[in-house]
Each structure stands twice: as structure tokens, then as C-alpha cells.
Amino acid sequence: MTQALFITQGEHATGSGPDIVISTLLGSCVACCLWDPVARVGGMNHMLLALSSGRGTNCAMSGINAMEVLINDLVKLGVERCRLHAKVFGGARMISGFSDIGARNAAFTLSYLAKEDIPVMTQSVGGNTARNVRFWPGTGRAMQKMTNAPIRDVAIPAPWGNGVELF
């Protein structure tokens, strides 16, 4: 029986075994699928913004934090960082007339992977169409379906104060 894990903006999931599938729906966001073919373990993240605009803190949706958290979780599952392979999806320009955040997200992700010497096996970035992405972390298989779904990725403003709510 297949175990389906759906992730949204700022989330990630990891796993192994042929019966786990991780999926997400992307507009200008980028998903990076990482897989270790020897350990047969992988994971996927969903990055909203390449760079955080927070006050010196790492936003869970920012690129560097999202990549490091995913890689660290994979290492805990037995992955060797030097064996990772990547597949990158998303980065569409969903709203014409605005800045192309999707292109910046894709460029950040590809640059990060190059700096970390993680080879990109497949990439499908850019355009103006949303993508439904599925990734099987135990096998490294990825599949995308282009969709005309009305997706609008918007930046979530940083909370006021320190994020603690008292009542």
C-alpha cells in the first residue's frame, strides 16, 4: 500500500522504500528532490523564497535553510552527502508584470547544488505553468504533470515580535 506525503510551502519530507511518494504543487516555488542511490533514501522540500527577508533568522521557507534542513534529515537516515543526486522543479512566472521570483528561486537552487557538488540529474524550471510533482524517495523516481491550476505563491510576512503569542 502506497504511503502518500503531501508537502506545502516551507515543508519537506524524507523516506525510503518503494511505497512512499512525496508530492507537492508548485508555481513560483521550487522543489528540490535529493536521493542517495546507495542508501536508497531521499527527500523533497518546497521552497517559497530563495532568500529570507527576516531579521537575521532563518525562515523555514528560505532556500539555504530549506536545503540544509532537508540534507541534515537525510544524513540522519544514513545518506552520504557526497552520493546525493538532485532533481529540481518549479520556478514558474505565475503572475506577469511582477518580478520574476520563480527565476530567482530556480537560480538559487541550481547555484546551491553546484556549490555543494550535488549533481542535478533532471530539472524542469521556469515557464508560466504550475507543476504537480511526485517523488519516490526510495527509488529516486520523479514525475511532473503540468497543470493550469490557478496558483498564486505569495510571500508570507514575517510575524511581529518574536513569534510568541500570549493569551
N, C-alpha and C. Protein backbone atom coordinates (compact mmCIF):
# COMPACT_ATOMS: atom_id res chain seq x y z
N MET A 1 0.84 -1.18 0.00
CA MET A 1 0.00 0.00 0.00
C MET A 1 0.89 1.25 0.00
N THR A 2 0.62 2.19 -0.88
CA THR A 2 1.41 3.39 -1.03
C THR A 2 1.11 4.39 0.08
N GLN A 3 2.18 4.93 0.66
CA GLN A 3 2.04 5.99 1.65
C GLN A 3 2.32 7.31 0.95
N ALA A 4 1.31 8.18 0.85
CA ALA A 4 1.46 9.46 0.17
C ALA A 4 1.67 10.56 1.19
N LEU A 5 2.72 11.37 0.95
CA LEU A 5 3.02 12.51 1.81
C LEU A 5 2.92 13.76 0.95
N PHE A 6 2.08 14.72 1.33
CA PHE A 6 1.94 15.96 0.59
C PHE A 6 2.61 17.07 1.38
N ILE A 7 3.49 17.84 0.71
CA ILE A 7 4.15 18.95 1.38
C ILE A 7 3.73 20.26 0.72
N THR A 8 3.74 21.33 1.54
CA THR A 8 3.41 22.66 1.05
C THR A 8 4.57 23.60 1.34
N GLN A 9 4.36 24.88 1.12
CA GLN A 9 5.40 25.89 1.27
C GLN A 9 6.10 25.80 2.62
N GLY A 10 7.43 25.70 2.56
CA GLY A 10 8.24 25.66 3.77
C GLY A 10 8.39 24.29 4.39
N GLU A 11 7.79 23.27 3.79
CA GLU A 11 7.86 21.92 4.36
C GLU A 11 8.82 21.04 3.56
N HIS A 12 9.15 19.90 4.16
CA HIS A 12 9.93 18.88 3.48
C HIS A 12 9.51 17.53 4.03
N ALA A 13 9.86 16.48 3.31
CA ALA A 13 9.60 15.11 3.77
C ALA A 13 10.73 14.23 3.26
N THR A 14 11.01 13.16 4.02
CA THR A 14 12.04 12.20 3.64
C THR A 14 11.48 10.80 3.77
N GLY A 15 12.18 9.84 3.18
CA GLY A 15 11.73 8.47 3.33
C GLY A 15 12.56 7.51 2.50
N SER A 16 12.20 6.25 2.61
CA SER A 16 12.83 5.19 1.83
C SER A 16 11.76 4.15 1.54
N GLY A 17 12.09 3.21 0.72
CA GLY A 17 11.13 2.17 0.36
C GLY A 17 10.34 2.56 -0.87
N PRO A 18 9.95 1.56 -1.65
CA PRO A 18 9.28 1.82 -2.92
C PRO A 18 7.83 2.29 -2.78
N ASP A 19 7.25 2.20 -1.60
CA ASP A 19 5.83 2.52 -1.43
C ASP A 19 5.56 3.90 -0.86
N ILE A 20 6.58 4.75 -0.78
CA ILE A 20 6.39 6.12 -0.29
C ILE A 20 6.49 7.07 -1.46
N VAL A 21 5.55 7.98 -1.57
CA VAL A 21 5.59 9.02 -2.60
C VAL A 21 5.35 10.36 -1.93
N ILE A 22 6.20 11.33 -2.25
CA ILE A 22 6.07 12.69 -1.74
C ILE A 22 5.59 13.54 -2.89
N SER A 23 4.59 14.38 -2.65
CA SER A 23 4.08 15.22 -3.73
C SER A 23 3.88 16.65 -3.27
N THR A 24 3.86 17.54 -4.25
CA THR A 24 3.62 18.96 -3.99
C THR A 24 3.11 19.61 -5.25
N LEU A 25 2.56 20.80 -5.10
CA LEU A 25 2.08 21.60 -6.21
C LEU A 25 2.86 22.90 -6.22
N LEU A 26 3.50 23.21 -7.34
CA LEU A 26 4.40 24.36 -7.43
C LEU A 26 3.93 25.40 -8.43
N GLY A 27 4.15 26.64 -8.07
CA GLY A 27 4.02 27.76 -9.00
C GLY A 27 5.39 28.36 -9.14
N SER A 28 5.61 29.51 -8.48
CA SER A 28 6.94 30.13 -8.50
C SER A 28 7.87 29.49 -7.48
N CYS A 29 7.34 28.68 -6.59
CA CYS A 29 8.16 27.95 -5.63
C CYS A 29 9.00 26.90 -6.36
N VAL A 30 10.02 26.41 -5.66
CA VAL A 30 10.89 25.38 -6.22
C VAL A 30 10.91 24.19 -5.27
N ALA A 31 10.88 23.00 -5.82
CA ALA A 31 11.06 21.78 -5.05
C ALA A 31 12.37 21.14 -5.48
N CYS A 32 13.15 20.75 -4.49
CA CYS A 32 14.40 20.04 -4.75
C CYS A 32 14.25 18.62 -4.20
N CYS A 33 14.40 17.65 -5.08
CA CYS A 33 14.35 16.24 -4.68
C CYS A 33 15.79 15.75 -4.59
N LEU A 34 16.16 15.21 -3.44
CA LEU A 34 17.51 14.67 -3.24
C LEU A 34 17.41 13.18 -2.98
N TRP A 35 18.37 12.42 -3.52
CA TRP A 35 18.33 10.97 -3.40
C TRP A 35 19.74 10.41 -3.34
N ASP A 36 19.93 9.44 -2.45
CA ASP A 36 21.18 8.70 -2.35
C ASP A 36 20.90 7.31 -2.94
N PRO A 37 21.47 6.99 -4.11
CA PRO A 37 21.18 5.71 -4.76
C PRO A 37 21.73 4.49 -4.02
N VAL A 38 22.72 4.67 -3.16
CA VAL A 38 23.26 3.54 -2.41
C VAL A 38 22.39 3.25 -1.19
N ALA A 39 22.09 4.27 -0.41
CA ALA A 39 21.24 4.10 0.78
C ALA A 39 19.78 3.92 0.39
N ARG A 40 19.41 4.33 -0.85
CA ARG A 40 18.03 4.28 -1.34
C ARG A 40 17.10 5.06 -0.42
N VAL A 41 17.55 6.26 -0.09
CA VAL A 41 16.81 7.19 0.76
C VAL A 41 16.78 8.54 0.06
N GLY A 42 15.67 9.24 0.17
CA GLY A 42 15.57 10.54 -0.46
C GLY A 42 14.59 11.44 0.25
N GLY A 43 14.45 12.64 -0.28
CA GLY A 43 13.52 13.59 0.28
C GLY A 43 13.28 14.74 -0.67
N MET A 44 12.26 15.52 -0.34
CA MET A 44 11.89 16.67 -1.18
C MET A 44 11.51 17.83 -0.28
N ASN A 45 11.89 19.05 -0.70
CA ASN A 45 11.46 20.24 0.00
C ASN A 45 10.63 21.11 -0.93
N HIS A 46 10.00 22.13 -0.36
CA HIS A 46 9.17 23.08 -1.12
C HIS A 46 9.56 24.46 -0.64
N MET A 47 10.37 25.16 -1.45
CA MET A 47 10.92 26.46 -1.06
C MET A 47 10.08 27.59 -1.64
N LEU A 48 9.63 28.47 -0.76
CA LEU A 48 8.82 29.61 -1.18
C LEU A 48 9.70 30.75 -1.70
N LEU A 49 10.73 31.09 -0.96
CA LEU A 49 11.61 32.20 -1.32
C LEU A 49 13.05 31.77 -1.25
N ALA A 50 13.83 32.15 -2.25
CA ALA A 50 15.25 31.79 -2.25
C ALA A 50 15.98 32.42 -1.07
N LEU A 51 15.66 33.66 -0.79
CA LEU A 51 16.33 34.38 0.29
C LEU A 51 15.30 34.87 1.30
N SER A 52 15.65 34.78 2.56
CA SER A 52 14.76 35.22 3.63
C SER A 52 14.92 36.72 3.83
N SER A 53 13.80 37.36 4.12
CA SER A 53 13.87 38.79 4.42
C SER A 53 13.69 39.03 5.91
N GLY A 54 13.84 37.96 6.70
CA GLY A 54 13.69 38.06 8.16
C GLY A 54 14.82 38.83 8.80
N ARG A 55 14.71 39.04 10.06
CA ARG A 55 15.69 39.82 10.82
C ARG A 55 16.86 38.94 11.25
N GLY A 56 17.61 38.43 10.29
CA GLY A 56 18.79 37.64 10.62
C GLY A 56 18.47 36.22 11.03
N THR A 57 17.22 35.83 10.98
CA THR A 57 16.86 34.46 11.35
C THR A 57 16.60 33.67 10.08
N ASN A 58 16.76 32.38 10.16
CA ASN A 58 16.49 31.52 9.02
C ASN A 58 15.01 31.22 8.97
N CYS A 59 14.39 31.61 7.89
CA CYS A 59 12.99 31.30 7.67
C CYS A 59 12.92 29.89 7.11
N ALA A 60 11.96 29.09 7.59
CA ALA A 60 11.83 27.71 7.13
C ALA A 60 11.57 27.64 5.63
N MET A 61 11.07 28.72 5.06
CA MET A 61 10.75 28.72 3.64
C MET A 61 11.88 29.25 2.79
N SER A 62 12.95 29.76 3.39
CA SER A 62 14.05 30.29 2.60
C SER A 62 14.95 29.18 2.09
N GLY A 63 15.64 29.46 1.01
CA GLY A 63 16.40 28.44 0.31
C GLY A 63 17.48 27.74 1.11
N ILE A 64 18.39 28.52 1.69
CA ILE A 64 19.52 27.90 2.41
C ILE A 64 19.02 27.03 3.55
N ASN A 65 18.11 27.56 4.34
CA ASN A 65 17.58 26.80 5.46
C ASN A 65 16.85 25.55 4.97
N ALA A 66 16.03 25.69 3.95
CA ALA A 66 15.27 24.54 3.43
C ALA A 66 16.20 23.44 2.92
N MET A 67 17.28 23.84 2.26
CA MET A 67 18.22 22.84 1.74
C MET A 67 18.98 22.16 2.87
N GLU A 68 19.48 22.93 3.81
CA GLU A 68 20.26 22.35 4.91
C GLU A 68 19.41 21.44 5.80
N VAL A 69 18.18 21.84 6.08
CA VAL A 69 17.31 21.01 6.91
C VAL A 69 17.03 19.68 6.21
N LEU A 70 16.75 19.73 4.92
CA LEU A 70 16.50 18.50 4.16
C LEU A 70 17.74 17.61 4.16
N ILE A 71 18.89 18.17 3.85
CA ILE A 71 20.12 17.38 3.82
C ILE A 71 20.44 16.78 5.19
N ASN A 72 20.30 17.56 6.24
CA ASN A 72 20.57 17.04 7.59
C ASN A 72 19.63 15.89 7.95
N ASP A 73 18.35 16.00 7.60
CA ASP A 73 17.42 14.90 7.87
C ASP A 73 17.80 13.65 7.08
N LEU A 74 18.28 13.83 5.85
CA LEU A 74 18.69 12.69 5.05
C LEU A 74 19.94 12.02 5.63
N VAL A 75 20.88 12.82 6.10
CA VAL A 75 22.09 12.28 6.73
C VAL A 75 21.72 11.44 7.95
N LYS A 76 20.74 11.89 8.72
CA LYS A 76 20.28 11.13 9.89
C LYS A 76 19.71 9.77 9.49
N LEU A 77 19.25 9.65 8.24
CA LEU A 77 18.69 8.38 7.75
C LEU A 77 19.74 7.51 7.05
N GLY A 78 21.01 7.92 7.10
CA GLY A 78 22.07 7.10 6.54
C GLY A 78 22.60 7.54 5.19
N VAL A 79 22.17 8.68 4.70
CA VAL A 79 22.63 9.19 3.42
C VAL A 79 24.04 9.75 3.56
N GLU A 80 24.86 9.54 2.54
CA GLU A 80 26.17 10.17 2.45
C GLU A 80 26.01 11.38 1.55
N ARG A 81 26.34 12.55 2.07
CA ARG A 81 26.18 13.80 1.33
C ARG A 81 26.86 13.74 -0.05
N CYS A 82 28.00 13.08 -0.12
CA CYS A 82 28.76 13.01 -1.38
C CYS A 82 28.08 12.13 -2.43
N ARG A 83 27.06 11.36 -2.04
CA ARG A 83 26.37 10.49 -3.01
C ARG A 83 25.04 11.07 -3.48
N LEU A 84 24.67 12.25 -2.98
CA LEU A 84 23.37 12.81 -3.32
C LEU A 84 23.27 13.18 -4.80
N HIS A 85 22.09 12.96 -5.35
CA HIS A 85 21.71 13.39 -6.68
C HIS A 85 20.48 14.27 -6.53
N ALA A 86 20.31 15.25 -7.42
CA ALA A 86 19.18 16.18 -7.30
C ALA A 86 18.31 16.19 -8.55
N LYS A 87 17.05 16.50 -8.32
CA LYS A 87 16.08 16.78 -9.38
C LYS A 87 15.35 18.04 -8.92
N VAL A 88 15.26 19.03 -9.81
CA VAL A 88 14.73 20.35 -9.44
C VAL A 88 13.54 20.70 -10.32
N PHE A 89 12.48 21.19 -9.67
CA PHE A 89 11.24 21.53 -10.37
C PHE A 89 10.70 22.87 -9.89
N GLY A 90 9.96 23.55 -10.76
CA GLY A 90 9.24 24.75 -10.36
C GLY A 90 9.86 26.02 -10.89
N GLY A 91 9.66 27.10 -10.16
CA GLY A 91 10.22 28.39 -10.54
C GLY A 91 9.51 29.05 -11.70
N ALA A 92 8.21 28.82 -11.83
CA ALA A 92 7.45 29.44 -12.92
C ALA A 92 7.17 30.91 -12.64
N ARG A 93 6.90 31.63 -13.68
CA ARG A 93 6.46 33.03 -13.55
C ARG A 93 4.94 33.00 -13.62
N MET A 94 4.31 33.01 -12.46
CA MET A 94 2.86 32.81 -12.40
C MET A 94 2.06 34.08 -12.61
N ILE A 95 2.64 35.24 -12.33
CA ILE A 95 1.91 36.50 -12.49
C ILE A 95 2.76 37.43 -13.35
N SER A 96 2.31 37.68 -14.57
CA SER A 96 3.09 38.56 -15.44
C SER A 96 3.00 39.99 -14.93
N GLY A 97 4.06 40.74 -15.19
CA GLY A 97 4.08 42.13 -14.76
C GLY A 97 4.74 42.35 -13.42
N PHE A 98 4.94 41.29 -12.64
CA PHE A 98 5.63 41.37 -11.36
C PHE A 98 7.05 40.85 -11.52
N SER A 99 7.86 41.03 -10.50
CA SER A 99 9.22 40.50 -10.57
C SER A 99 9.17 38.98 -10.71
N ASP A 100 10.18 38.44 -11.33
CA ASP A 100 10.20 37.00 -11.61
C ASP A 100 10.85 36.24 -10.45
N ILE A 101 10.11 36.10 -9.35
CA ILE A 101 10.61 35.39 -8.16
C ILE A 101 10.89 33.94 -8.49
N GLY A 102 10.13 33.35 -9.41
CA GLY A 102 10.35 31.96 -9.79
C GLY A 102 11.74 31.74 -10.38
N ALA A 103 12.17 32.65 -11.25
CA ALA A 103 13.51 32.54 -11.84
C ALA A 103 14.58 32.67 -10.77
N ARG A 104 14.37 33.57 -9.81
CA ARG A 104 15.36 33.73 -8.73
C ARG A 104 15.39 32.48 -7.85
N ASN A 105 14.23 31.88 -7.58
CA ASN A 105 14.19 30.65 -6.79
C ASN A 105 14.93 29.52 -7.49
N ALA A 106 14.69 29.37 -8.79
CA ALA A 106 15.36 28.31 -9.55
C ALA A 106 16.87 28.56 -9.61
N ALA A 107 17.26 29.80 -9.86
CA ALA A 107 18.69 30.13 -9.95
C ALA A 107 19.38 29.86 -8.61
N PHE A 108 18.74 30.24 -7.51
CA PHE A 108 19.34 29.96 -6.20
C PHE A 108 19.56 28.46 -6.02
N THR A 109 18.53 27.67 -6.30
CA THR A 109 18.60 26.23 -6.06
C THR A 109 19.70 25.59 -6.89
N LEU A 110 19.77 25.93 -8.16
CA LEU A 110 20.80 25.35 -9.03
C LEU A 110 22.20 25.81 -8.61
N SER A 111 22.33 27.06 -8.19
CA SER A 111 23.62 27.57 -7.71
C SER A 111 24.04 26.87 -6.42
N TYR A 112 23.09 26.69 -5.50
CA TYR A 112 23.38 26.00 -4.23
C TYR A 112 23.89 24.59 -4.51
N LEU A 113 23.19 23.87 -5.37
CA LEU A 113 23.58 22.49 -5.69
C LEU A 113 24.96 22.44 -6.34
N ALA A 114 25.26 23.39 -7.21
CA ALA A 114 26.58 23.43 -7.85
C ALA A 114 27.67 23.69 -6.81
N LYS A 115 27.43 24.63 -5.89
CA LYS A 115 28.43 24.93 -4.85
C LYS A 115 28.66 23.75 -3.93
N GLU A 116 27.63 22.94 -3.71
CA GLU A 116 27.73 21.77 -2.82
C GLU A 116 28.15 20.51 -3.57
N ASP A 117 28.46 20.64 -4.86
CA ASP A 117 28.85 19.50 -5.70
C ASP A 117 27.81 18.39 -5.72
N ILE A 118 26.55 18.76 -5.74
CA ILE A 118 25.46 17.79 -5.85
C ILE A 118 24.98 17.84 -7.30
N PRO A 119 25.18 16.77 -8.06
CA PRO A 119 24.79 16.80 -9.47
C PRO A 119 23.28 16.86 -9.65
N VAL A 120 22.87 17.66 -10.61
CA VAL A 120 21.45 17.78 -10.97
C VAL A 120 21.19 16.82 -12.12
N MET A 121 20.40 15.80 -11.85
CA MET A 121 20.11 14.78 -12.85
C MET A 121 18.99 15.20 -13.79
N THR A 122 18.04 15.97 -13.27
CA THR A 122 16.88 16.43 -14.03
C THR A 122 16.48 17.79 -13.52
N GLN A 123 16.06 18.65 -14.42
CA GLN A 123 15.49 19.92 -13.99
C GLN A 123 14.39 20.33 -14.95
N SER A 124 13.34 20.87 -14.39
CA SER A 124 12.24 21.44 -15.16
C SER A 124 11.85 22.71 -14.42
N VAL A 125 12.41 23.82 -14.87
CA VAL A 125 12.19 25.10 -14.19
C VAL A 125 11.75 26.16 -15.20
N GLY A 126 11.09 27.19 -14.68
CA GLY A 126 10.67 28.31 -15.50
C GLY A 126 9.31 28.10 -16.13
N GLY A 127 9.07 28.86 -17.15
CA GLY A 127 7.77 28.81 -17.82
C GLY A 127 6.73 29.61 -17.05
N ASN A 128 5.47 29.37 -17.37
CA ASN A 128 4.39 30.08 -16.69
C ASN A 128 3.24 29.16 -16.30
N THR A 129 3.59 27.89 -16.11
CA THR A 129 2.59 26.87 -15.78
C THR A 129 2.94 26.20 -14.46
N ALA A 130 1.92 25.94 -13.68
CA ALA A 130 2.11 25.23 -12.41
C ALA A 130 2.49 23.77 -12.68
N ARG A 131 3.12 23.17 -11.68
CA ARG A 131 3.55 21.77 -11.79
C ARG A 131 3.07 20.98 -10.58
N ASN A 132 2.57 19.80 -10.84
CA ASN A 132 2.29 18.84 -9.78
C ASN A 132 3.45 17.84 -9.84
N VAL A 133 4.21 17.77 -8.74
CA VAL A 133 5.41 16.94 -8.73
C VAL A 133 5.24 15.79 -7.74
N ARG A 134 5.65 14.61 -8.17
CA ARG A 134 5.67 13.43 -7.30
C ARG A 134 7.09 12.88 -7.29
N PHE A 135 7.52 12.44 -6.10
CA PHE A 135 8.88 11.91 -5.95
C PHE A 135 8.82 10.67 -5.07
N TRP A 136 9.44 9.60 -5.55
CA TRP A 136 9.53 8.35 -4.80
C TRP A 136 10.93 8.31 -4.18
N PRO A 137 11.06 8.62 -2.88
CA PRO A 137 12.38 8.76 -2.27
C PRO A 137 13.18 7.47 -2.17
N GLY A 138 12.53 6.34 -2.23
CA GLY A 138 13.26 5.07 -2.16
C GLY A 138 13.89 4.66 -3.47
N THR A 139 13.40 5.21 -4.58
CA THR A 139 13.91 4.83 -5.89
C THR A 139 14.54 6.00 -6.66
N GLY A 140 14.24 7.22 -6.23
CA GLY A 140 14.76 8.40 -6.92
C GLY A 140 13.92 8.80 -8.12
N ARG A 141 12.84 8.10 -8.37
CA ARG A 141 11.96 8.41 -9.50
C ARG A 141 11.18 9.70 -9.22
N ALA A 142 11.07 10.55 -10.22
CA ALA A 142 10.28 11.77 -10.10
C ALA A 142 9.39 11.90 -11.32
N MET A 143 8.25 12.52 -11.11
CA MET A 143 7.30 12.70 -12.19
C MET A 143 6.64 14.07 -12.01
N GLN A 144 6.43 14.76 -13.10
CA GLN A 144 5.72 16.03 -13.02
C GLN A 144 4.58 16.05 -14.01
N LYS A 145 3.55 16.78 -13.64
CA LYS A 145 2.42 16.99 -14.53
C LYS A 145 2.19 18.48 -14.57
N MET A 146 2.26 19.05 -15.76
CA MET A 146 1.98 20.47 -15.91
C MET A 146 0.47 20.66 -15.78
N THR A 147 0.09 21.75 -15.12
CA THR A 147 -1.33 21.98 -14.87
C THR A 147 -1.66 23.45 -15.06
N ASN A 148 -2.88 23.72 -15.35
CA ASN A 148 -3.34 25.10 -15.48
C ASN A 148 -4.00 25.58 -14.19
N ALA A 149 -3.72 24.89 -13.10
CA ALA A 149 -4.32 25.26 -11.81
C ALA A 149 -3.95 26.70 -11.47
N PRO A 150 -4.89 27.47 -10.97
CA PRO A 150 -4.59 28.86 -10.60
C PRO A 150 -3.83 28.92 -9.28
N ILE A 151 -2.51 28.98 -9.37
CA ILE A 151 -1.67 29.02 -8.18
C ILE A 151 -1.08 30.40 -8.07
N ARG A 152 -1.12 30.96 -6.91
CA ARG A 152 -0.50 32.25 -6.66
C ARG A 152 0.36 32.11 -5.42
N ASP A 153 1.68 31.95 -5.63
CA ASP A 153 2.60 31.90 -4.50
C ASP A 153 2.81 33.32 -4.01
N VAL A 154 2.58 33.56 -2.75
CA VAL A 154 2.78 34.88 -2.19
C VAL A 154 3.70 34.77 -1.00
N ALA A 155 4.47 35.81 -0.79
CA ALA A 155 5.36 35.83 0.37
C ALA A 155 4.52 35.98 1.63
N ILE A 156 4.85 35.22 2.64
CA ILE A 156 4.18 35.31 3.93
C ILE A 156 4.98 36.29 4.77
N PRO A 157 4.35 37.37 5.24
CA PRO A 157 5.10 38.36 6.01
C PRO A 157 5.63 37.78 7.32
N ALA A 158 6.79 38.29 7.72
CA ALA A 158 7.37 37.86 8.99
C ALA A 158 6.47 38.33 10.14
N PRO A 159 6.30 37.50 11.17
CA PRO A 159 5.45 37.90 12.28
C PRO A 159 6.09 39.04 13.08
N TRP A 160 5.25 39.82 13.71
CA TRP A 160 5.73 40.89 14.57
C TRP A 160 6.33 40.28 15.84
N GLY A 161 7.29 40.91 16.40
CA GLY A 161 7.88 40.45 17.66
C GLY A 161 8.68 39.19 17.46
N ASN A 162 8.62 38.32 18.46
CA ASN A 162 9.43 37.11 18.42
C ASN A 162 8.63 35.86 18.08
N GLY A 163 7.38 36.03 17.67
CA GLY A 163 6.57 34.89 17.26
C GLY A 163 5.91 34.15 18.42
N VAL A 164 6.03 34.67 19.64
CA VAL A 164 5.40 34.06 20.79
C VAL A 164 4.07 34.76 21.03
N GLU A 165 3.03 34.00 21.15
CA GLU A 165 1.70 34.57 21.39
C GLU A 165 1.29 34.24 22.83
N LEU A 166 0.97 35.26 23.56
CA LEU A 166 0.49 35.10 24.93
C LEU A 166 -0.98 35.43 25.00
N PHE A 167 -1.73 34.65 25.78
CA PHE A 167 -3.15 34.96 25.95
C PHE A 167 -3.62 34.59 27.31
